[in-house]
C-alpha cells in the first residue's frame, strides 16, 4: 500500500502536475525576450515601400513619352518647277543628306536652313521642329523655328512657345528679344512687346534698334512722352536711319509739338541707313541663300569690303541664271583682275561692254589692262568709247591725251 501511495503521489510524469501550479514569484528579473513584432513591422514597411516604387515605375512606363522614330519621319518635298538651278541643287543636296541621316538633328536643321534661306517656310518649320525634338538644348533650331513660324503666320502659341524656349536656352542673346518683340507686335500683344523691348535695351543699351522698337510700341500704346525719349536715344545712336525720324515725327505730332515734328520729318529725307541687328546665328541662314538677288547682294558687299576672291562664287552662280547680265559680267571681270586672273578678267569685261556699251567702269578697266599689255590702240579705243557716254570727264580726257602723245 505504501508503494502505491508513493506512486500516486509522484507518478511517472510529475512535471505535468507542476504545470498546474501557479508559478512562484521570483525576485530575480528575467532576461529580455526578442521583440518579434518590431521586426515584422520593419519588413511590412519595406515591402510596402517596394510596392510603391514599383507602382511609380509602372505608371512612368505606362505614361512614358512616345519614343522618337526619326527614320520614319517624312522629309519635306518642294515642287521645283520654275526654281532657279542653284536653288534646286541646294535643296536637293540638303534633302539627300537628310535622307541618308534621318536620325541626325544637324541634318534636319541644315535642311531647314536651306528651305528657310529660300523662303520655303512651311518646309523649314517642319525641319526645325524635328531638329528641336532630336536636340532640344540646341538654341539654333528652336530660335529659327520661332522666326519661320512668325513669318508663315503660324498659330500665335507656337510662335510664342518657340521664342520663349529659345530665350530660356540663351537668355543673353540680343537678337532673340528683338525678333520676339516684333512677333508680338504683329500679333497685337503690345504690353508684352513693350516689356520685351524694355528688356532688350537693358541687355544692350547701345543698340539703336532696341530703342526704336520700344519707342514705336509706346506710340502704338498712346504713350508719346516715353516713346519720344527712347526714339531720341535711337537717333543719337544711329542718326542715318529714316524710320527713327519718321517715328519721332509721329511722336511729336501726338504731343502737339508741330515744329519738332516738321524738323524730324525733314531730317528723315534722304536717309539710307538700315537697322543693324547683330545676329550671327541668322547670318548662317542667309549665307545659304543662292537665289540671284542674294548672290548679287553678297557679292557687292564682298567687293565693297575688298574681298574679291569671296565674291567670285556668288557672281558665278548669278551668271548661271542670268548670263547676259552686263553688270554681273563687269563685276566678275573686276574680281578676276584683282585676283590676278587677267585672261578671265578680259573675257568678262569685254562681254560686259558688248552687252551694255555705257558701262564706263568696264571701259576704263579694259583700257588700263590693254595699256599694261602695251596694246595702245585698244586702250585708246576704250577711253574714246567711255567719253562718248561721259564727255565731260576730264580725267578720262587726260588719260586719252597721254596715250595719244606717247604714240
Protein backbone atom coordinates (compact mmCIF):
# COMPACT_ATOMS: atom_id res chain seq x y z
CA UNK A 1 0.00 0.00 0.00
CA UNK A 2 2.76 2.29 0.84
CA UNK A 3 4.33 1.81 -2.61
CA UNK A 4 1.02 2.57 -4.33
CA UNK A 5 0.62 5.79 -2.45
CA UNK A 6 4.18 6.81 -3.37
CA UNK A 7 3.45 6.10 -6.97
CA UNK A 8 0.21 8.01 -6.98
CA UNK A 9 1.93 10.92 -5.27
CA UNK A 10 4.74 11.16 -7.82
CA UNK A 11 3.51 9.17 -10.83
CA UNK A 12 5.53 8.69 -13.98
CA UNK A 13 5.08 12.36 -15.18
CA UNK A 14 5.48 14.57 -12.20
CA UNK A 15 6.12 17.74 -14.39
CA UNK A 16 2.55 17.76 -15.70
CA UNK A 17 1.25 18.23 -12.25
CA UNK A 18 3.78 21.02 -11.64
CA UNK A 19 2.47 22.91 -14.67
CA UNK A 20 -0.87 23.33 -12.95
CA UNK A 21 0.70 25.01 -10.01
CA UNK A 22 0.90 28.79 -10.08
CA UNK A 23 4.45 29.93 -10.63
CA UNK A 24 6.22 31.12 -7.63
CA UNK A 25 7.05 34.73 -7.51
CA UNK A 26 10.69 35.38 -8.24
CA UNK A 27 12.71 38.31 -7.06
CA UNK A 28 15.24 37.96 -9.91
CA UNK A 29 14.25 39.81 -13.17
CA UNK A 30 14.05 37.60 -16.24
CA UNK A 31 16.26 38.45 -19.23
CA UNK A 32 14.52 40.50 -22.00
CA UNK A 33 12.95 38.48 -24.80
CA UNK A 34 13.47 39.44 -28.50
CA UNK A 35 10.69 41.69 -29.93
CA UNK A 36 9.43 39.86 -32.94
CA UNK A 37 6.59 42.38 -33.52
CA UNK A 38 9.12 45.20 -34.33
CA UNK A 39 10.96 43.08 -36.87
CA UNK A 40 7.68 42.17 -38.54
CA UNK A 41 6.72 45.84 -38.76
CA UNK A 42 10.01 46.76 -40.44
CA UNK A 43 9.54 44.03 -43.04
CA UNK A 44 5.98 45.22 -43.73
CA UNK A 45 7.20 48.82 -44.24
CA UNK A 46 9.97 47.65 -46.58
CA UNK A 47 7.54 45.59 -48.64
CA UNK A 48 5.07 48.47 -48.83
CA UNK A 49 7.83 50.83 -49.98
CA UNK A 50 8.88 48.42 -52.70
CA UNK A 51 5.29 48.16 -53.88
CA UNK A 52 5.04 51.96 -54.07
CA UNK A 53 8.30 52.24 -56.03
CA UNK A 54 7.23 49.53 -58.43
CA UNK A 55 3.90 51.28 -58.83
CA UNK A 56 5.54 54.60 -59.68
CA UNK A 57 7.87 52.91 -62.13
CA UNK A 58 4.93 51.13 -63.67
CA UNK A 59 2.98 54.36 -64.09
CA UNK A 60 6.05 56.08 -65.56
CA UNK A 61 6.36 53.23 -68.05
CA UNK A 62 2.68 53.40 -68.95
CA UNK A 63 2.67 57.17 -69.37
CA UNK A 64 6.20 57.49 -70.79
CA UNK A 65 6.69 59.80 -73.82
CA UNK A 66 6.47 58.02 -77.11
CA UNK A 67 9.93 57.11 -78.35
CA UNK A 68 11.23 59.10 -81.30
CA UNK A 69 11.45 57.26 -84.58
CA UNK A 70 13.09 59.84 -86.87
CA UNK A 71 13.78 57.20 -89.50
CA UNK A 72 10.00 57.12 -90.04
CA UNK A 73 9.62 60.87 -90.43
CA UNK A 74 8.83 62.21 -93.88
CA UNK A 75 11.35 64.59 -95.41
CA UNK A 76 9.55 67.69 -96.81
CA UNK A 77 9.33 67.97 -100.57
CA UNK A 78 9.11 71.03 -102.82
CA UNK A 79 7.82 71.46 -106.35
CA UNK A 80 10.97 72.58 -108.17
CA UNK A 81 9.30 73.63 -111.39
CA UNK A 82 10.40 77.16 -112.21
CA UNK A 83 13.00 77.21 -109.44
CA UNK A 84 16.45 78.54 -110.41
CA UNK A 85 19.09 75.87 -110.93
CA UNK A 86 21.37 76.81 -107.99
CA UNK A 87 18.40 76.82 -105.61
CA UNK A 88 17.12 73.47 -106.88
CA UNK A 89 20.56 71.92 -106.42
CA UNK A 90 20.94 73.31 -102.91
CA UNK A 91 17.56 71.91 -101.86
CA UNK A 92 18.23 68.54 -103.48
CA UNK A 93 21.62 68.31 -101.79
CA UNK A 94 20.22 69.12 -98.32
CA UNK A 95 17.37 66.64 -98.74
CA UNK A 96 19.81 63.98 -99.93
CA UNK A 97 21.96 64.35 -96.82
CA UNK A 98 18.85 64.20 -94.63
CA UNK A 99 17.56 61.04 -96.32
CA UNK A 100 20.91 59.40 -95.58
CA UNK A 101 21.00 60.64 -91.95
CA UNK A 102 17.38 60.79 -90.72
CA UNK A 103 18.39 60.49 -87.06
CA UNK A 104 20.72 63.50 -87.18
CA UNK A 105 19.47 66.74 -85.65
CA UNK A 106 22.16 68.58 -87.59
CA UNK A 107 20.94 67.16 -90.90
CA UNK A 108 17.34 68.16 -90.13
CA UNK A 109 18.43 71.62 -89.01
CA UNK A 110 20.66 72.30 -92.00
CA UNK A 111 17.96 71.15 -94.41
CA UNK A 112 15.63 73.58 -92.65
CA UNK A 113 18.18 76.37 -93.10
CA UNK A 114 18.26 75.79 -96.87
CA UNK A 115 14.46 75.88 -97.05
CA UNK A 116 14.40 78.93 -94.80
CA UNK A 117 17.02 80.82 -96.84
CA UNK A 118 14.81 80.47 -99.92
CA UNK A 119 11.56 81.43 -98.16
CA UNK A 120 10.13 77.90 -98.13
CA UNK A 121 8.91 78.48 -94.61
CA UNK A 122 6.45 75.58 -94.21
CA UNK A 123 9.14 73.05 -95.08
CA UNK A 124 11.66 74.90 -92.93
CA UNK A 125 9.32 74.79 -89.91
CA UNK A 126 8.93 71.03 -90.25
CA UNK A 127 12.70 70.52 -90.36
CA UNK A 128 13.43 72.88 -87.48
CA UNK A 129 10.72 71.21 -85.39
CA UNK A 130 12.26 67.78 -85.97
CA UNK A 131 15.76 69.08 -85.23
CA UNK A 132 14.48 70.58 -81.96
CA UNK A 133 12.90 67.27 -80.97
CA UNK A 134 16.20 65.48 -81.52
CA UNK A 135 18.35 68.18 -79.92
CA UNK A 136 16.14 70.17 -77.51
CA UNK A 137 19.11 72.01 -75.99
CA UNK A 138 20.39 73.38 -79.31
CA UNK A 139 19.41 77.04 -79.37
CA UNK A 140 19.55 77.40 -83.15
CA UNK A 141 16.72 75.08 -84.07
CA UNK A 142 14.08 76.44 -81.71
CA UNK A 143 15.17 80.04 -82.45
CA UNK A 144 14.85 79.51 -86.20
CA UNK A 145 11.54 77.71 -85.60
CA UNK A 146 10.16 80.80 -83.87
CA UNK A 147 11.28 83.02 -86.75
CA UNK A 148 9.78 80.92 -89.55
CA UNK A 149 6.58 80.28 -87.59
CA UNK A 150 6.19 84.04 -87.29
CA UNK A 151 6.97 84.60 -90.98
CA UNK A 152 4.48 81.98 -92.15
CA UNK A 153 1.72 83.24 -89.88
CA UNK A 154 1.56 80.15 -87.69
CA UNK A 155 -0.57 79.88 -84.56
CA UNK A 156 0.41 82.52 -82.00
CA UNK A 157 1.03 79.95 -79.27
CA UNK A 158 3.53 78.16 -81.50
CA UNK A 159 5.41 81.40 -82.16
CA UNK A 160 5.47 82.43 -78.51
CA UNK A 161 6.45 79.00 -77.16
CA UNK A 162 9.36 78.72 -79.60
CA UNK A 163 10.78 82.15 -78.75
CA UNK A 164 10.32 81.57 -75.02
CA UNK A 165 12.16 78.25 -75.29
CA UNK A 166 14.95 80.00 -77.20
CA UNK A 167 15.24 82.67 -74.51
CA UNK A 168 15.49 80.00 -71.81
CA UNK A 169 18.36 78.37 -73.70
CA UNK A 170 20.24 81.62 -74.40
CA UNK A 171 18.90 84.43 -72.21
CA UNK A 172 21.72 86.82 -73.14
CA UNK A 173 21.22 86.65 -76.93
CA UNK A 174 20.11 90.12 -78.01
CA UNK A 175 18.53 89.32 -81.36
CA UNK A 176 16.00 86.85 -79.96
CA UNK A 177 14.36 89.62 -77.90
CA UNK A 178 14.06 91.91 -80.91
CA UNK A 179 12.52 89.21 -83.10
CA UNK A 180 10.21 88.11 -80.30
CA UNK A 181 9.13 91.72 -79.76
CA UNK A 182 8.42 92.18 -83.47
CA UNK A 183 6.37 88.97 -83.50
CA UNK A 184 4.33 90.18 -80.52
CA UNK A 185 3.68 93.49 -82.29
CA UNK A 186 2.39 91.67 -85.36
CA UNK A 187 0.08 89.71 -83.09
CA UNK A 188 -1.18 92.88 -81.40
CA UNK A 189 0.21 91.97 -77.96
CA UNK A 190 1.62 95.42 -77.25
CA UNK A 191 2.13 95.19 -73.49
CA UNK A 192 4.23 92.06 -73.88
CA UNK A 193 6.10 93.62 -76.78
CA UNK A 194 6.85 96.70 -74.64
CA UNK A 195 8.27 94.52 -71.87
CA UNK A 196 10.34 92.51 -74.35
CA UNK A 197 11.88 95.60 -75.95
CA UNK A 198 12.39 97.06 -72.48
CA UNK A 199 14.45 94.03 -71.52
CA UNK A 200 16.34 94.32 -74.80
CA UNK A 201 17.52 97.90 -74.15
CA UNK A 202 18.65 96.90 -70.67
CA UNK A 203 20.56 93.97 -72.09
CA UNK A 204 22.10 96.05 -74.91
CA UNK A 205 21.97 99.76 -74.02
CA UNK A 206 23.86 100.83 -77.17
CA UNK A 207 21.61 99.14 -79.73
CA UNK A 208 19.55 101.71 -81.62
CA UNK A 209 17.20 99.02 -82.96
CA UNK A 210 16.00 98.20 -79.45
CA UNK A 211 15.16 101.82 -78.60
CA UNK A 212 13.39 102.30 -81.92
CA UNK A 213 11.28 99.17 -81.34
CA UNK A 214 10.39 100.25 -77.81
CA UNK A 215 9.52 103.78 -78.97
CA UNK A 216 7.28 102.52 -81.77
CA UNK A 217 5.40 100.20 -79.42
CA UNK A 218 4.86 103.01 -76.91
CA UNK A 219 3.48 105.23 -79.69
CA UNK A 220 1.02 102.50 -80.63
CA UNK A 221 0.01 102.25 -76.96
CA UNK A 222 -0.66 106.01 -76.85
CA UNK A 223 2.33 106.94 -74.68
CA UNK A 224 4.18 109.57 -76.73
CA UNK A 225 6.32 111.09 -73.98
CA UNK A 226 8.37 107.97 -73.10
CA UNK A 227 8.26 106.99 -76.77
CA UNK A 228 9.98 110.20 -77.87
CA UNK A 229 12.58 109.79 -75.15
CA UNK A 230 13.53 106.32 -76.43
CA UNK A 231 13.41 107.41 -80.07
CA UNK A 232 15.76 110.30 -79.38
CA UNK A 233 18.21 107.82 -77.89
CA UNK A 234 17.87 105.69 -81.03
CA UNK A 235 18.53 108.73 -83.24
CA UNK A 236 21.60 109.56 -81.19
CA UNK A 237 22.97 106.05 -81.70
CA UNK A 238 22.01 105.78 -85.39
CA UNK A 239 21.40 109.19 -86.99
CA UNK A 240 21.12 107.84 -90.54
CA UNK A 241 18.01 105.65 -90.18
CA UNK A 242 14.87 107.05 -91.77
CA UNK A 243 12.39 105.04 -89.68
CA UNK A 244 13.66 106.51 -86.43
CA UNK A 245 12.95 110.10 -87.54
CA UNK A 246 9.58 109.18 -89.04
CA UNK A 247 8.60 107.69 -85.68
CA UNK A 248 9.88 110.82 -83.94
CA UNK A 249 7.76 113.00 -86.21
CA UNK A 250 4.73 110.93 -85.26
CA UNK A 251 5.55 111.21 -81.55
CA UNK A 252 5.97 114.98 -81.65
CA UNK A 253 2.69 115.27 -83.57
CA UNK A 254 0.92 113.32 -80.81
CA UNK A 255 2.42 115.79 -78.32
CA UNK A 256 1.20 118.74 -80.45
CA UNK A 257 4.81 119.84 -80.93
CA UNK A 258 4.42 120.50 -84.64
CA UNK A 259 7.68 122.42 -85.08
CA UNK A 260 9.75 119.47 -83.87
CA UNK A 261 7.59 117.08 -85.84
CA UNK A 262 8.34 119.03 -89.02
CA UNK A 263 12.06 119.05 -88.18
CA UNK A 264 12.12 115.29 -87.61
CA UNK A 265 10.28 114.75 -90.89
CA UNK A 266 12.77 117.00 -92.68
CA UNK A 267 15.70 115.08 -91.22
CA UNK A 268 14.24 111.77 -92.39
CA UNK A 269 14.52 112.79 -96.06
CA UNK A 270 17.31 111.12 -97.96
CA UNK A 271 18.47 108.88 -95.11
CA UNK A 272 19.51 105.44 -96.30
CA UNK A 273 20.73 103.76 -93.13
CA UNK A 274 19.13 100.43 -92.28
CA UNK A 275 18.67 98.77 -88.95
CA UNK A 276 21.61 96.73 -87.80
CA UNK A 277 20.80 93.75 -85.64
CA UNK A 278 23.75 91.65 -84.51
CA UNK A 279 22.54 88.13 -85.24
CA UNK A 280 25.34 85.73 -86.23
CA UNK A 281 23.01 82.73 -85.98
CA UNK A 282 20.59 84.18 -88.51
CA UNK A 283 23.50 85.14 -90.73
CA UNK A 284 24.24 81.41 -91.06
CA UNK A 285 20.84 81.01 -92.72
CA UNK A 286 21.29 83.99 -95.03
CA UNK A 287 24.64 82.66 -96.21
CA UNK A 288 22.89 79.56 -97.56
CA UNK A 289 20.74 81.57 -99.98
CA UNK A 290 21.77 81.03 -103.62
CA UNK A 291 18.92 82.83 -105.37
CA UNK A 292 20.04 85.59 -107.79
CA UNK A 293 19.23 88.54 -105.54
CA UNK A 294 21.06 87.06 -102.55
CA UNK A 295 24.09 86.21 -104.67
CA UNK A 296 24.40 89.71 -106.10
CA UNK A 297 23.93 91.36 -102.70
CA UNK A 298 26.58 89.18 -101.08
CA UNK A 299 28.99 89.74 -103.97
CA UNK A 300 28.57 93.51 -103.83
CA UNK A 301 29.15 93.52 -100.07
CA UNK A 302 32.31 91.46 -100.52
CA UNK A 303 33.58 93.73 -103.30
CA UNK A 304 32.89 96.82 -101.19
CA UNK A 305 34.94 95.22 -98.43
CA UNK A 306 37.80 94.34 -100.78
CA UNK A 307 37.02 90.61 -100.61
CA UNK A 308 37.21 89.98 -104.35
CA UNK A 309 38.00 86.28 -104.15
CA UNK A 310 34.98 85.64 -101.91
CA UNK A 311 32.70 87.48 -104.35
CA UNK A 312 33.50 85.28 -107.34
CA UNK A 313 31.46 82.14 -106.37
CA UNK A 314 28.28 84.19 -105.89
CA UNK A 315 28.80 86.01 -109.18
CA UNK A 316 29.28 82.70 -110.97
CA UNK A 317 26.02 81.40 -109.52
CA UNK A 318 24.29 84.57 -110.69
CA UNK A 319 25.86 84.24 -114.14
CA UNK A 320 24.36 80.75 -114.42
CA UNK A 321 20.89 82.22 -114.02
CA UNK A 322 21.50 85.48 -115.94
CA UNK A 323 24.41 85.01 -118.39
CA UNK A 324 23.60 88.24 -120.23
CA UNK A 325 23.58 90.50 -117.19
CA UNK A 326 26.10 93.19 -118.12
CA UNK A 327 26.79 94.47 -114.59
CA UNK A 328 27.47 90.96 -113.29
CA UNK A 329 29.91 90.39 -116.14
CA UNK A 330 31.69 93.62 -115.29
CA UNK A 331 31.91 92.70 -111.58
CA UNK A 332 33.28 89.28 -112.46
CA UNK A 333 35.91 90.93 -114.65
CA UNK A 334 36.86 93.29 -111.85
CA UNK A 335 37.19 90.42 -109.34
CA UNK A 336 39.27 88.32 -111.70
CA UNK A 337 41.57 91.27 -112.38
CA UNK A 338 42.05 91.93 -108.66
CA UNK A 339 42.85 88.26 -108.04
CA UNK A 340 45.41 88.06 -110.83
CA UNK A 341 43.36 86.12 -113.39
CA UNK A 342 43.86 88.57 -116.22
CA UNK A 343 42.60 86.45 -119.12
CA UNK A 344 39.31 85.78 -117.38
CA UNK A 345 39.13 89.46 -116.48
CA UNK A 346 39.50 90.50 -120.13
CA UNK A 347 36.89 87.94 -121.19
CA UNK A 348 34.21 89.15 -118.78
CA UNK A 349 34.93 92.87 -119.13
CA UNK A 350 34.77 92.60 -122.92
CA UNK A 351 31.47 90.76 -122.68
CA UNK A 352 30.12 93.43 -120.34
CA UNK A 353 30.66 96.28 -122.83
CA UNK A 354 29.24 94.18 -125.65
CA UNK A 355 26.06 93.74 -123.62
CA UNK A 356 25.95 97.36 -122.44
CA UNK A 357 28.28 99.89 -124.01
CA UNK A 358 27.66 102.66 -121.47
CA UNK A 359 29.42 100.82 -118.60
CA UNK A 360 32.12 103.45 -118.08
CA UNK A 361 33.97 101.46 -115.42
CA UNK A 362 34.25 98.42 -117.69
CA UNK A 363 35.77 100.54 -120.47
CA UNK A 364 38.25 102.08 -118.02
CA UNK A 365 39.25 98.65 -116.70
CA UNK A 366 39.80 97.40 -120.25
CA UNK A 367 41.76 100.49 -121.22
CA UNK A 368 44.06 100.07 -118.20
CA UNK A 369 44.63 96.38 -118.93
CA UNK A 370 45.41 96.99 -122.61
CA UNK A 371 47.80 99.76 -121.58
CA UNK A 372 49.60 97.33 -119.26
CA UNK A 373 49.89 94.90 -122.17
CA UNK A 374 51.27 97.56 -124.47
CA UNK A 375 48.21 97.45 -126.71
CA UNK A 376 47.89 101.23 -127.01
CA UNK A 377 45.34 101.33 -129.84
CA UNK A 378 42.89 99.13 -128.00
CA UNK A 379 43.32 101.18 -124.83
CA UNK A 380 42.62 104.40 -126.79
CA UNK A 381 39.51 102.79 -128.27
CA UNK A 382 38.01 102.09 -124.84
CA UNK A 383 38.79 105.56 -123.48
CA UNK A 384 37.05 107.07 -126.50
CA UNK A 385 34.02 104.83 -126.06
CA UNK A 386 33.84 105.82 -122.41
CA UNK A 387 33.98 109.53 -123.33
CA UNK A 388 31.04 109.09 -125.72
CA UNK A 389 28.88 108.36 -122.68
CA UNK A 390 30.63 110.79 -120.33
CA UNK A 391 32.10 113.60 -122.45
CA UNK A 392 32.72 115.92 -119.53
CA UNK A 393 35.04 113.53 -117.69
CA UNK A 394 38.37 115.41 -117.69
CA UNK A 395 40.28 112.56 -116.08
CA UNK A 396 39.41 110.28 -119.00
CA UNK A 397 40.40 113.00 -121.49
CA UNK A 398 43.75 113.43 -119.74
CA UNK A 399 44.45 109.70 -119.89
CA UNK A 400 43.47 109.60 -123.55
CA UNK A 401 45.83 112.53 -124.36
CA UNK A 402 48.70 110.83 -122.53
CA UNK A 403 48.25 107.68 -124.61
CA UNK A 404 47.99 109.65 -127.85
CA UNK A 405 51.09 111.71 -127.01
CA UNK A 406 53.16 108.60 -126.35
CA UNK A 407 52.38 107.42 -129.85
